[in-house]
Every structure is written in C-alpha cells, then in structure tokens.
PDB file of all heavy atoms in Angstrom:
ATOM      1  N   GLY A   1    -217.566  -7.516 -64.322  1.00  0.00           N
ATOM      2  CA  GLY A   1    -216.779  -8.680 -63.939  1.00  0.00           C
ATOM      3  C   GLY A   1    -215.641  -9.013 -64.874  1.00  0.00           C
ATOM      4  O   GLY A   1    -214.925  -9.994 -64.658  1.00  0.00           O
ATOM      5  N   GLU A   2    -215.481  -8.219 -65.938  1.00  0.00           N
ATOM      6  CA  GLU A   2    -214.325  -8.346 -66.828  1.00  0.00           C
ATOM      7  C   GLU A   2    -213.603  -7.006 -66.824  1.00  0.00           C
ATOM      8  O   GLU A   2    -214.189  -5.985 -67.190  1.00  0.00           O
ATOM      9  CB  GLU A   2    -214.754  -8.716 -68.244  1.00  0.00           C
ATOM     10  CG  GLU A   2    -215.348 -10.106 -68.368  1.00  0.00           C
ATOM     11  CD  GLU A   2    -215.706 -10.461 -69.803  1.00  0.00           C
ATOM     12  OE1 GLU A   2    -215.166  -9.800 -70.724  1.00  0.00           O
ATOM     13  OE2 GLU A   2    -216.523 -11.366 -69.991  1.00  0.00           O
ATOM     14  N   GLN A   3    -212.337  -7.017 -66.426  1.00  0.00           N
ATOM     15  CA  GLN A   3    -211.645  -5.759 -66.166  1.00  0.00           C
ATOM     16  C   GLN A   3    -211.645  -4.807 -67.363  1.00  0.00           C
ATOM     17  O   GLN A   3    -211.884  -3.607 -67.211  1.00  0.00           O
ATOM     18  CB  GLN A   3    -210.210  -6.020 -65.713  1.00  0.00           C
ATOM     19  CG  GLN A   3    -209.494  -4.752 -65.260  1.00  0.00           C
ATOM     20  CD  GLN A   3    -208.091  -5.015 -64.773  1.00  0.00           C
ATOM     21  OE1 GLN A   3    -207.273  -5.579 -65.494  1.00  0.00           O
ATOM     22  NE2 GLN A   3    -207.811  -4.629 -63.545  1.00  0.00           N
ATOM     23  N   SER A   4    -211.379  -5.321 -68.561  1.00  0.00           N
ATOM     24  CA  SER A   4    -211.309  -4.440 -69.726  1.00  0.00           C
ATOM     25  C   SER A   4    -212.653  -3.776 -70.004  1.00  0.00           C
ATOM     26  O   SER A   4    -212.711  -2.585 -70.340  1.00  0.00           O
ATOM     27  CB  SER A   4    -210.833  -5.214 -70.956  1.00  0.00           C
ATOM     28  OG  SER A   4    -211.737  -6.265 -71.272  1.00  0.00           O
ATOM     29  N   VAL A   5    -213.745  -4.537 -69.847  1.00  0.00           N
ATOM     30  CA  VAL A   5    -215.083  -3.974 -70.054  1.00  0.00           C
ATOM     31  C   VAL A   5    -215.403  -2.967 -68.956  1.00  0.00           C
ATOM     32  O   VAL A   5    -215.905  -1.869 -69.222  1.00  0.00           O
ATOM     33  CB  VAL A   5    -216.151  -5.080 -70.096  1.00  0.00           C
ATOM     34  CG1 VAL A   5    -217.551  -4.480 -70.244  1.00  0.00           C
ATOM     35  CG2 VAL A   5    -215.868  -6.052 -71.233  1.00  0.00           C
ATOM     36  N   ASP A   6    -215.109  -3.327 -67.714  1.00  0.00           N
ATOM     37  CA  ASP A   6    -215.388  -2.430 -66.599  1.00  0.00           C
ATOM     38  C   ASP A   6    -214.633  -1.109 -66.735  1.00  0.00           C
ATOM     39  O   ASP A   6    -215.193  -0.029 -66.505  1.00  0.00           O
ATOM     40  CB  ASP A   6    -215.015  -3.099 -65.273  1.00  0.00           C
ATOM     41  CG  ASP A   6    -216.035  -4.141 -64.840  1.00  0.00           C
ATOM     42  OD1 ASP A   6    -217.239  -3.911 -65.056  1.00  0.00           O
ATOM     43  OD2 ASP A   6    -215.636  -5.181 -64.288  1.00  0.00           O
ATOM     44  N   LYS A   7    -213.362  -1.164 -67.099  1.00  0.00           N
ATOM     45  CA  LYS A   7    -212.537   0.039 -67.170  1.00  0.00           C
ATOM     46  C   LYS A   7    -212.976   0.969 -68.293  1.00  0.00           C
ATOM     47  O   LYS A   7    -212.951   2.194 -68.143  1.00  0.00           O
ATOM     48  CB  LYS A   7    -211.066  -0.332 -67.358  1.00  0.00           C
ATOM     49  CG  LYS A   7    -210.430  -0.984 -66.142  1.00  0.00           C
ATOM     50  CD  LYS A   7    -208.985  -1.337 -66.380  1.00  0.00           C
ATOM     51  CE  LYS A   7    -208.106  -0.100 -66.406  1.00  0.00           C
ATOM     52  NZ  LYS A   7    -206.673  -0.462 -66.445  1.00  0.00           N
ATOM     53  N   ASN A   8    -213.410   0.401 -69.411  1.00  0.00           N
ATOM     54  CA  ASN A   8    -213.700   1.207 -70.594  1.00  0.00           C
ATOM     55  C   ASN A   8    -215.155   1.632 -70.724  1.00  0.00           C
ATOM     56  O   ASN A   8    -215.499   2.358 -71.657  1.00  0.00           O
ATOM     57  CB  ASN A   8    -213.285   0.438 -71.853  1.00  0.00           C
ATOM     58  CG  ASN A   8    -211.790   0.219 -71.933  1.00  0.00           C
ATOM     59  OD1 ASN A   8    -211.012   1.109 -71.601  1.00  0.00           O
ATOM     60  ND2 ASN A   8    -211.387  -0.966 -72.349  1.00  0.00           N
ATOM     61  N   SER A   9    -216.007   1.196 -69.776  1.00  0.00           N
ATOM     62  CA  SER A   9    -217.447   1.408 -69.933  1.00  0.00           C
ATOM     63  C   SER A   9    -218.053   2.268 -68.822  1.00  0.00           C
ATOM     64  O   SER A   9    -217.539   2.319 -67.708  1.00  0.00           O
ATOM     65  CB  SER A   9    -218.176   0.054 -69.958  1.00  0.00           C
ATOM     66  OG  SER A   9    -217.673  -0.776 -70.970  1.00  0.00           O
ATOM     67  N   ILE A  10    -219.174   2.897 -69.183  1.00  0.00           N
ATOM     68  CA  ILE A  10    -220.051   3.557 -68.217  1.00  0.00           C
ATOM     69  C   ILE A  10    -221.339   2.743 -68.203  1.00  0.00           C
ATOM     70  O   ILE A  10    -221.936   2.490 -69.265  1.00  0.00           O
ATOM     71  CB  ILE A  10    -220.353   5.009 -68.629  1.00  0.00           C
ATOM     72  CG1 ILE A  10    -219.068   5.843 -68.649  1.00  0.00           C
ATOM     73  CG2 ILE A  10    -221.376   5.644 -67.685  1.00  0.00           C
ATOM     74  CD1 ILE A  10    -219.243   7.223 -69.238  1.00  0.00           C
ATOM     75  N   PHE A  11    -221.779   2.326 -67.022  1.00  0.00           N
ATOM     76  CA  PHE A  11    -222.970   1.478 -66.918  1.00  0.00           C
ATOM     77  C   PHE A  11    -224.169   2.305 -66.462  1.00  0.00           C
ATOM     78  O   PHE A  11    -224.133   2.935 -65.407  1.00  0.00           O
ATOM     79  CB  PHE A  11    -222.705   0.318 -65.956  1.00  0.00           C
ATOM     80  CG  PHE A  11    -221.672  -0.639 -66.475  1.00  0.00           C
ATOM     81  CD1 PHE A  11    -220.338  -0.497 -66.128  1.00  0.00           C
ATOM     82  CD2 PHE A  11    -222.027  -1.654 -67.343  1.00  0.00           C
ATOM     83  CE1 PHE A  11    -219.368  -1.360 -66.634  1.00  0.00           C
ATOM     84  CE2 PHE A  11    -221.068  -2.529 -67.856  1.00  0.00           C
ATOM     85  CZ  PHE A  11    -219.741  -2.378 -67.494  1.00  0.00           C
ATOM     86  N   VAL A  12    -225.220   2.277 -67.283  1.00  0.00           N
ATOM     87  CA  VAL A  12    -226.465   2.994 -67.005  1.00  0.00           C
ATOM     88  C   VAL A  12    -227.550   1.951 -66.758  1.00  0.00           C
ATOM     89  O   VAL A  12    -227.903   1.180 -67.663  1.00  0.00           O
ATOM     90  CB  VAL A  12    -226.856   3.916 -68.177  1.00  0.00           C
ATOM     91  CG1 VAL A  12    -228.209   4.572 -67.911  1.00  0.00           C
ATOM     92  CG2 VAL A  12    -225.777   4.972 -68.412  1.00  0.00           C
ATOM     93  N   CYS A  13    -228.069   1.910 -65.547  1.00  0.00           N
ATOM     94  CA  CYS A  13    -228.969   0.857 -65.099  1.00  0.00           C
ATOM     95  C   CYS A  13    -230.403   1.390 -64.966  1.00  0.00           C
ATOM     96  O   CYS A  13    -230.656   2.337 -64.215  1.00  0.00           O
ATOM     97  CB  CYS A  13    -228.473   0.374 -63.733  1.00  0.00           C
ATOM     98  SG  CYS A  13    -228.431  -1.395 -63.559  1.00  0.00           S
ATOM     99  N   PHE A  14    -231.342   0.782 -65.682  1.00  0.00           N
ATOM    100  CA  PHE A  14    -232.752   1.142 -65.577  1.00  0.00           C
ATOM    101  C   PHE A  14    -233.410   0.383 -64.426  1.00  0.00           C
ATOM    102  O   PHE A  14    -233.144  -0.811 -64.244  1.00  0.00           O
ATOM    103  CB  PHE A  14    -233.507   0.789 -66.860  1.00  0.00           C
ATOM    104  CG  PHE A  14    -233.105   1.570 -68.060  1.00  0.00           C
ATOM    105  CD1 PHE A  14    -232.076   1.123 -68.881  1.00  0.00           C
ATOM    106  CD2 PHE A  14    -233.751   2.746 -68.395  1.00  0.00           C
ATOM    107  CE1 PHE A  14    -231.696   1.830 -69.996  1.00  0.00           C
ATOM    108  CE2 PHE A  14    -233.384   3.470 -69.521  1.00  0.00           C
ATOM    109  CZ  PHE A  14    -232.344   3.012 -70.326  1.00  0.00           C
ATOM    110  N   GLU A  15    -234.273   1.052 -63.683  1.00  0.00           N
ATOM    111  CA  GLU A  15    -235.126   0.329 -62.749  1.00  0.00           C
ATOM    112  C   GLU A  15    -236.095  -0.514 -63.578  1.00  0.00           C
ATOM    113  O   GLU A  15    -236.913   0.006 -64.335  1.00  0.00           O
ATOM    114  CB  GLU A  15    -235.907   1.288 -61.858  1.00  0.00           C
ATOM    115  CG  GLU A  15    -236.852   0.568 -60.903  1.00  0.00           C
ATOM    116  CD  GLU A  15    -237.661   1.505 -60.020  1.00  0.00           C
ATOM    117  OE1 GLU A  15    -237.591   2.732 -60.220  1.00  0.00           O
ATOM    118  OE2 GLU A  15    -238.364   0.993 -59.130  1.00  0.00           O
ATOM    119  N   ASN A  16    -236.005  -1.822 -63.449  1.00  0.00           N
ATOM    120  CA  ASN A  16    -236.831  -2.725 -64.242  1.00  0.00           C
ATOM    121  C   ASN A  16    -236.725  -4.119 -63.649  1.00  0.00           C
ATOM    122  O   ASN A  16    -235.639  -4.547 -63.261  1.00  0.00           O
ATOM    123  CB  ASN A  16    -236.372  -2.733 -65.709  1.00  0.00           C
ATOM    124  CG  ASN A  16    -237.283  -3.531 -66.613  1.00  0.00           C
ATOM    125  OD1 ASN A  16    -237.165  -4.741 -66.721  1.00  0.00           O
ATOM    126  ND2 ASN A  16    -238.208  -2.844 -67.276  1.00  0.00           N
ATOM    127  N   LEU A  17    -237.840  -4.839 -63.601  1.00  0.00           N
ATOM    128  CA  LEU A  17    -237.851  -6.166 -62.985  1.00  0.00           C
ATOM    129  C   LEU A  17    -237.354  -7.263 -63.918  1.00  0.00           C
ATOM    130  O   LEU A  17    -237.078  -8.371 -63.473  1.00  0.00           O
ATOM    131  CB  LEU A  17    -239.266  -6.520 -62.511  1.00  0.00           C
ATOM    132  CG  LEU A  17    -239.899  -5.582 -61.478  1.00  0.00           C
ATOM    133  CD1 LEU A  17    -241.240  -6.155 -61.003  1.00  0.00           C
ATOM    134  CD2 LEU A  17    -238.966  -5.350 -60.301  1.00  0.00           C
ATOM    135  N   GLY A  18    -237.255  -6.961 -65.203  1.00  0.00           N
ATOM    136  CA  GLY A  18    -236.749  -7.966 -66.139  1.00  0.00           C
ATOM    137  C   GLY A  18    -237.800  -8.992 -66.520  1.00  0.00           C
ATOM    138  O   GLY A  18    -238.973  -8.661 -66.712  1.00  0.00           O
ATOM    139  N   TRP A  19    -237.383 -10.261 -66.639  1.00  0.00           N
ATOM    140  CA  TRP A  19    -238.331 -11.308 -67.034  1.00  0.00           C
ATOM    141  C   TRP A  19    -239.256 -11.663 -65.865  1.00  0.00           C
ATOM    142  O   TRP A  19    -238.883 -11.579 -64.714  1.00  0.00           O
ATOM    143  CB  TRP A  19    -237.619 -12.549 -67.564  1.00  0.00           C
ATOM    144  CG  TRP A  19    -236.694 -13.252 -66.619  1.00  0.00           C
ATOM    145  CD1 TRP A  19    -235.347 -13.095 -66.517  1.00  0.00           C
ATOM    146  CD2 TRP A  19    -237.057 -14.248 -65.647  1.00  0.00           C
ATOM    147  NE1 TRP A  19    -234.842 -13.926 -65.542  1.00  0.00           N
ATOM    148  CE2 TRP A  19    -235.863 -14.641 -64.984  1.00  0.00           C
ATOM    149  CE3 TRP A  19    -238.261 -14.844 -65.253  1.00  0.00           C
ATOM    150  CZ2 TRP A  19    -235.841 -15.602 -63.975  1.00  0.00           C
ATOM    151  CZ3 TRP A  19    -238.236 -15.792 -64.247  1.00  0.00           C
ATOM    152  CH2 TRP A  19    -237.044 -16.165 -63.621  1.00  0.00           C
ATOM    153  N   LEU A  20    -240.478 -12.067 -66.230  1.00  0.00           N
ATOM    154  CA  LEU A  20    -241.519 -12.335 -65.243  1.00  0.00           C
ATOM    155  C   LEU A  20    -242.171 -13.691 -65.502  1.00  0.00           C
ATOM    156  O   LEU A  20    -242.193 -14.173 -66.640  1.00  0.00           O
ATOM    157  CB  LEU A  20    -242.600 -11.244 -65.304  1.00  0.00           C
ATOM    158  CG  LEU A  20    -242.128  -9.800 -65.114  1.00  0.00           C
ATOM    159  CD1 LEU A  20    -243.209  -8.843 -65.587  1.00  0.00           C
ATOM    160  CD2 LEU A  20    -241.780  -9.528 -63.656  1.00  0.00           C
ATOM    161  N   GLU A  21    -242.724 -14.267 -64.451  1.00  0.00           N
ATOM    162  CA  GLU A  21    -243.536 -15.472 -64.566  1.00  0.00           C
ATOM    163  C   GLU A  21    -244.909 -15.190 -63.971  1.00  0.00           C
ATOM    164  O   GLU A  21    -245.017 -14.501 -62.950  1.00  0.00           O
ATOM    165  CB  GLU A  21    -242.879 -16.644 -63.837  1.00  0.00           C
ATOM    166  CG  GLU A  21    -241.595 -17.114 -64.488  1.00  0.00           C
ATOM    167  CD  GLU A  21    -241.015 -18.331 -63.782  1.00  0.00           C
ATOM    168  OE1 GLU A  21    -241.381 -18.560 -62.604  1.00  0.00           O
ATOM    169  OE2 GLU A  21    -240.196 -19.035 -64.399  1.00  0.00           O
ATOM    170  N   LYS A  22    -245.950 -15.723 -64.590  1.00  0.00           N
ATOM    171  CA  LYS A  22    -247.309 -15.506 -64.082  1.00  0.00           C
ATOM    172  C   LYS A  22    -247.567 -16.382 -62.873  1.00  0.00           C
ATOM    173  O   LYS A  22    -247.267 -17.580 -62.887  1.00  0.00           O
ATOM    174  CB  LYS A  22    -248.343 -15.801 -65.165  1.00  0.00           C
ATOM    175  CG  LYS A  22    -249.716 -15.212 -64.861  1.00  0.00           C
ATOM    176  CD  LYS A  22    -250.639 -15.346 -66.054  1.00  0.00           C
ATOM    177  CE  LYS A  22    -251.914 -14.561 -65.833  1.00  0.00           C
ATOM    178  NZ  LYS A  22    -252.594 -14.863 -64.567  1.00  0.00           N
ATOM    179  N   LYS A  23    -248.108 -15.783 -61.823  1.00  0.00           N
ATOM    180  CA  LYS A  23    -248.450 -16.545 -60.630  1.00  0.00           C
ATOM    181  C   LYS A  23    -249.729 -17.341 -60.902  1.00  0.00           C
ATOM    182  O   LYS A  23    -250.705 -16.797 -61.431  1.00  0.00           O
ATOM    183  CB  LYS A  23    -248.658 -15.609 -59.436  1.00  0.00           C
ATOM    184  CG  LYS A  23    -247.402 -14.879 -58.991  1.00  0.00           C
ATOM    185  CD  LYS A  23    -247.673 -13.955 -57.810  1.00  0.00           C
ATOM    186  CE  LYS A  23    -247.978 -14.769 -56.557  1.00  0.00           C
ATOM    187  NZ  LYS A  23    -248.182 -13.881 -55.376  1.00  0.00           N
ATOM    188  N   PRO A  24    -249.777 -18.610 -60.548  1.00  0.00           N
ATOM    189  CA  PRO A  24    -250.967 -19.429 -60.790  1.00  0.00           C
ATOM    190  C   PRO A  24    -252.208 -18.842 -60.110  1.00  0.00           C
ATOM    191  O   PRO A  24    -252.121 -18.318 -58.992  1.00  0.00           O
ATOM    192  CB  PRO A  24    -250.595 -20.785 -60.175  1.00  0.00           C
ATOM    193  CG  PRO A  24    -249.106 -20.799 -60.162  1.00  0.00           C
ATOM    194  CD  PRO A  24    -248.676 -19.373 -59.944  1.00  0.00           C
ATOM    195  N   LEU A  25    -253.347 -18.912 -60.802  1.00  0.00           N
ATOM    196  CA  LEU A  25    -254.637 -18.456 -60.272  1.00  0.00           C
ATOM    197  C   LEU A  25    -254.581 -17.006 -59.798  1.00  0.00           C
ATOM    198  O   LEU A  25    -255.184 -16.633 -58.788  1.00  0.00           O
ATOM    199  CB  LEU A  25    -255.079 -19.368 -59.117  1.00  0.00           C
ATOM    200  CG  LEU A  25    -255.145 -20.869 -59.436  1.00  0.00           C
ATOM    201  CD1 LEU A  25    -255.520 -21.668 -58.195  1.00  0.00           C
ATOM    202  CD2 LEU A  25    -256.145 -21.127 -60.552  1.00  0.00           C
ATOM    203  N   SER A  26    -253.856 -16.184 -60.544  1.00  0.00           N
ATOM    204  CA  SER A  26    -253.673 -14.792 -60.143  1.00  0.00           C
ATOM    205  C   SER A  26    -253.433 -13.929 -61.382  1.00  0.00           C
ATOM    206  O   SER A  26    -253.041 -14.428 -62.440  1.00  0.00           O
ATOM    207  CB  SER A  26    -252.482 -14.670 -59.181  1.00  0.00           C
ATOM    208  OG  SER A  26    -252.148 -13.323 -58.966  1.00  0.00           O
ATOM    209  N   ASN A  27    -253.677 -12.625 -61.250  1.00  0.00           N
ATOM    210  CA  ASN A  27    -253.349 -11.680 -62.310  1.00  0.00           C
ATOM    211  C   ASN A  27    -251.985 -11.040 -62.086  1.00  0.00           C
ATOM    212  O   ASN A  27    -251.619 -10.086 -62.763  1.00  0.00           O
ATOM    213  CB  ASN A  27    -254.424 -10.582 -62.389  1.00  0.00           C
ATOM    214  CG  ASN A  27    -255.748 -11.115 -62.880  1.00  0.00           C
ATOM    215  OD1 ASN A  27    -255.780 -11.990 -63.758  1.00  0.00           O
ATOM    216  ND2 ASN A  27    -256.836 -10.604 -62.332  1.00  0.00           N
ATOM    217  N   GLU A  28    -251.243 -11.564 -61.131  1.00  0.00           N
ATOM    218  CA  GLU A  28    -249.947 -11.006 -60.794  1.00  0.00           C
ATOM    219  C   GLU A  28    -248.817 -11.805 -61.440  1.00  0.00           C
ATOM    220  O   GLU A  28    -248.975 -12.976 -61.796  1.00  0.00           O
ATOM    221  CB  GLU A  28    -249.745 -10.996 -59.269  1.00  0.00           C
ATOM    222  CG  GLU A  28    -250.735 -10.118 -58.516  1.00  0.00           C
ATOM    223  CD  GLU A  28    -250.508 -10.168 -57.016  1.00  0.00           C
ATOM    224  OE1 GLU A  28    -249.753 -11.054 -56.548  1.00  0.00           O
ATOM    225  OE2 GLU A  28    -251.079  -9.329 -56.304  1.00  0.00           O
ATOM    226  N   TYR A  29    -247.675 -11.142 -61.558  1.00  0.00           N
ATOM    227  CA  TYR A  29    -246.471 -11.763 -62.083  1.00  0.00           C
ATOM    228  C   TYR A  29    -245.365 -11.620 -61.041  1.00  0.00           C
ATOM    229  O   TYR A  29    -245.424 -10.765 -60.151  1.00  0.00           O
ATOM    230  CB  TYR A  29    -246.039 -11.095 -63.389  1.00  0.00           C
ATOM    231  CG  TYR A  29    -247.039 -11.261 -64.507  1.00  0.00           C
ATOM    232  CD1 TYR A  29    -248.169 -10.448 -64.579  1.00  0.00           C
ATOM    233  CD2 TYR A  29    -246.863 -12.233 -65.488  1.00  0.00           C
ATOM    234  CE1 TYR A  29    -249.093 -10.596 -65.603  1.00  0.00           C
ATOM    235  CE2 TYR A  29    -247.782 -12.391 -66.517  1.00  0.00           C
ATOM    236  CZ  TYR A  29    -248.897 -11.573 -66.565  1.00  0.00           C
ATOM    237  OH  TYR A  29    -249.813 -11.728 -67.571  1.00  0.00           O
ATOM    238  N   ILE A  30    -244.339 -12.452 -61.159  1.00  0.00           N
ATOM    239  CA  ILE A  30    -243.238 -12.424 -60.204  1.00  0.00           C
ATOM    240  C   ILE A  30    -241.930 -12.668 -60.958  1.00  0.00           C
ATOM    241  O   ILE A  30    -241.911 -13.381 -61.958  1.00  0.00           O
ATOM    242  CB  ILE A  30    -243.447 -13.488 -59.103  1.00  0.00           C
ATOM    243  CG1 ILE A  30    -242.427 -13.320 -57.966  1.00  0.00           C
ATOM    244  CG2 ILE A  30    -243.411 -14.896 -59.680  1.00  0.00           C
ATOM    245  CD1 ILE A  30    -242.733 -14.159 -56.745  1.00  0.00           C
ATOM    246  N   ASN A  31    -240.851 -12.041 -60.499  1.00  0.00           N
ATOM    247  CA  ASN A  31    -239.557 -12.297 -61.142  1.00  0.00           C
ATOM    248  C   ASN A  31    -238.686 -13.164 -60.242  1.00  0.00           C
ATOM    249  O   ASN A  31    -239.098 -13.570 -59.151  1.00  0.00           O
ATOM    250  CB  ASN A  31    -238.855 -10.987 -61.538  1.00  0.00           C
ATOM    251  CG  ASN A  31    -238.191 -10.278 -60.365  1.00  0.00           C
ATOM    252  OD1 ASN A  31    -238.449 -10.563 -59.195  1.00  0.00           O
ATOM    253  ND2 ASN A  31    -237.325  -9.336 -60.669  1.00  0.00           N
ATOM    254  N   TRP A  32    -237.478 -13.454 -60.675  1.00  0.00           N
ATOM    255  CA  TRP A  32    -236.608 -14.382 -59.947  1.00  0.00           C
ATOM    256  C   TRP A  32    -236.157 -13.843 -58.594  1.00  0.00           C
ATOM    257  O   TRP A  32    -235.732 -14.598 -57.734  1.00  0.00           O
ATOM    258  CB  TRP A  32    -235.401 -14.744 -60.801  1.00  0.00           C
ATOM    259  CG  TRP A  32    -234.471 -13.597 -61.076  1.00  0.00           C
ATOM    260  CD1 TRP A  32    -234.639 -12.612 -62.013  1.00  0.00           C
ATOM    261  CD2 TRP A  32    -233.233 -13.322 -60.424  1.00  0.00           C
ATOM    262  NE1 TRP A  32    -233.589 -11.729 -61.985  1.00  0.00           N
ATOM    263  CE2 TRP A  32    -232.701 -12.148 -61.016  1.00  0.00           C
ATOM    264  CE3 TRP A  32    -232.511 -13.942 -59.419  1.00  0.00           C
ATOM    265  CZ2 TRP A  32    -231.493 -11.588 -60.626  1.00  0.00           C
ATOM    266  CZ3 TRP A  32    -231.297 -13.374 -59.024  1.00  0.00           C
ATOM    267  CH2 TRP A  32    -230.799 -12.211 -59.623  1.00  0.00           C
ATOM    268  N   GLN A  33    -236.295 -12.529 -58.390  1.00  0.00           N
ATOM    269  CA  GLN A  33    -235.940 -11.933 -57.110  1.00  0.00           C
ATOM    270  C   GLN A  33    -237.111 -11.937 -56.123  1.00  0.00           C
ATOM    271  O   GLN A  33    -236.953 -11.551 -54.976  1.00  0.00           O
ATOM    272  CB  GLN A  33    -235.479 -10.476 -57.319  1.00  0.00           C
ATOM    273  CG  GLN A  33    -234.154 -10.335 -58.033  1.00  0.00           C
ATOM    274  CD  GLN A  33    -232.971 -10.581 -57.124  1.00  0.00           C
ATOM    275  OE1 GLN A  33    -233.127 -10.756 -55.918  1.00  0.00           O
ATOM    276  NE2 GLN A  33    -231.780 -10.596 -57.687  1.00  0.00           N
ATOM    277  N   GLY A  34    -238.284 -12.355 -56.611  1.00  0.00           N
ATOM    278  CA  GLY A  34    -239.475 -12.352 -55.762  1.00  0.00           C
ATOM    279  C   GLY A  34    -240.274 -11.075 -55.824  1.00  0.00           C
ATOM    280  O   GLY A  34    -241.233 -10.897 -55.075  1.00  0.00           O
ATOM    281  N   SER A  35    -239.890 -10.157 -56.727  1.00  0.00           N
ATOM    282  CA  SER A  35    -240.623  -8.896 -56.881  1.00  0.00           C
ATOM    283  C   SER A  35    -241.956  -9.159 -57.577  1.00  0.00           C
ATOM    284  O   SER A  35    -242.023  -9.893 -58.568  1.00  0.00           O
ATOM    285  CB  SER A  35    -239.801  -7.896 -57.695  1.00  0.00           C
ATOM    286  OG  SER A  35    -238.585  -7.587 -57.045  1.00  0.00           O
ATOM    287  N   ILE A  36    -243.029  -8.553 -57.052  1.00  0.00           N
ATOM    288  CA  ILE A  36    -244.376  -8.729 -57.603  1.00  0.00           C
ATOM    289  C   ILE A  36    -244.673  -7.624 -58.606  1.00  0.00           C
ATOM    290  O   ILE A  36    -244.397  -6.447 -58.365  1.00  0.00           O
ATOM    291  CB  ILE A  36    -245.425  -8.706 -56.476  1.00  0.00           C
ATOM    292  CG1 ILE A  36    -245.129  -9.804 -55.441  1.00  0.00           C
ATOM    293  CG2 ILE A  36    -246.831  -8.870 -57.056  1.00  0.00           C
ATOM    294  CD1 ILE A  36    -245.237 -11.203 -55.992  1.00  0.00           C
ATOM    295  N   TYR A  37    -245.256  -8.008 -59.733  1.00  0.00           N
ATOM    296  CA  TYR A  37    -245.620  -7.053 -60.777  1.00  0.00           C
ATOM    297  C   TYR A  37    -247.104  -7.225 -61.087  1.00  0.00           C
ATOM    298  O   TYR A  37    -247.559  -8.329 -61.381  1.00  0.00           O
ATOM    299  CB  TYR A  37    -244.785  -7.297 -62.039  1.00  0.00           C
ATOM    300  CG  TYR A  37    -245.002  -6.278 -63.129  1.00  0.00           C
ATOM    301  CD1 TYR A  37    -244.389  -5.032 -63.085  1.00  0.00           C
ATOM    302  CD2 TYR A  37    -245.829  -6.566 -64.215  1.00  0.00           C
ATOM    303  CE1 TYR A  37    -244.587  -4.097 -64.085  1.00  0.00           C
ATOM    304  CE2 TYR A  37    -246.028  -5.639 -65.221  1.00  0.00           C
ATOM    305  CZ  TYR A  37    -245.403  -4.406 -65.154  1.00  0.00           C
ATOM    306  OH  TYR A  37    -245.601  -3.487 -66.154  1.00  0.00           O
ATOM    307  N   LYS A  38    -247.881  -6.113 -61.045  1.00  0.00           N
ATOM    308  CA  LYS A  38    -249.328  -6.184 -61.207  1.00  0.00           C
ATOM    309  C   LYS A  38    -249.842  -5.420 -62.423  1.00  0.00           C
ATOM    310  O   LYS A  38    -251.042  -5.334 -62.637  1.00  0.00           O
ATOM    311  CB  LYS A  38    -250.016  -5.635 -59.953  1.00  0.00           C
ATOM    312  CG  LYS A  38    -249.674  -6.381 -58.671  1.00  0.00           C
ATOM    313  CD  LYS A  38    -250.384  -5.768 -57.476  1.00  0.00           C
ATOM    314  CE  LYS A  38    -250.033  -6.503 -56.197  1.00  0.00           C
ATOM    315  NZ  LYS A  38    -250.712  -5.909 -55.012  1.00  0.00           N
TER     316      LYS A  38
END
C-alpha cells in the first residue's frame, strides 16, 4: 500500500492464521477471519 515499498520489495507470504483467541468452553481457537485452529 506504499508505492516505494511495493516497488522495491518481494513479498513472501506464509500460510498462517496469525493471532488466535480461545473459544469459550472449548479446546479450539479462532482468529479474526473466523478460521478455526485445533
């Protein structure tokens, strides 16, 4: 989203859910996109 950074960089993206929140009364976690992590 910044032209100078975009033009001069190569972006390598890992498959990863990022930060998670624990679902209440569950052993599962969820991220801001709604992806479930077990």
